[in-house]
Amino acid sequence: MSTNNASSFHHMVLWNLDLIARGGGSDEILYD
């Protein structure tokens, strides 16, 4: 379970970094 959570968190970080790299235009959609 811990490994799964860590994996999900890592994926989430990479996803957010990707959005920021693209300009963060989709940020508002994720947090809507």
Protein backbone atom coordinates (compact mmCIF):
# COMPACT_ATOMS: atom_id res chain seq x y z
CA MET A 1 0.00 0.00 0.00
CA SER A 2 2.77 2.42 0.88
CA THR A 3 4.54 1.64 -2.36
CA ASN A 4 1.33 2.23 -4.30
CA ASN A 5 0.75 5.59 -2.61
CA ALA A 6 4.33 6.64 -3.27
CA SER A 7 3.96 5.63 -6.90
CA SER A 8 0.73 7.62 -7.25
CA PHE A 9 2.32 10.65 -5.60
CA HIS A 10 5.36 10.44 -7.89
CA HIS A 11 3.07 10.20 -10.92
CA MET A 12 1.10 13.20 -9.68
CA VAL A 13 4.30 15.25 -9.30
CA LEU A 14 5.41 14.38 -12.82
CA TRP A 15 1.94 15.25 -14.12
CA ASN A 16 2.01 18.66 -12.42
CA LEU A 17 5.53 19.36 -13.66
CA ASP A 18 4.39 18.52 -17.18
CA LEU A 19 1.50 20.98 -16.90
CA ILE A 20 3.81 23.69 -15.58
CA ALA A 21 6.21 23.00 -18.44
CA ARG A 22 3.33 23.51 -20.87
CA GLY A 23 2.42 26.80 -19.21
CA GLY A 24 0.02 25.56 -16.52
CA GLY A 25 -3.01 26.35 -18.67
CA SER A 26 -4.85 23.25 -17.43
CA ASP A 27 -4.19 23.85 -13.72
CA GLU A 28 -7.62 25.35 -13.10
CA ILE A 29 -9.36 22.33 -14.61
CA LEU A 30 -7.58 19.93 -12.24
CA TYR A 31 -8.50 21.94 -9.15
CA ASP A 32 -12.01 22.86 -10.28
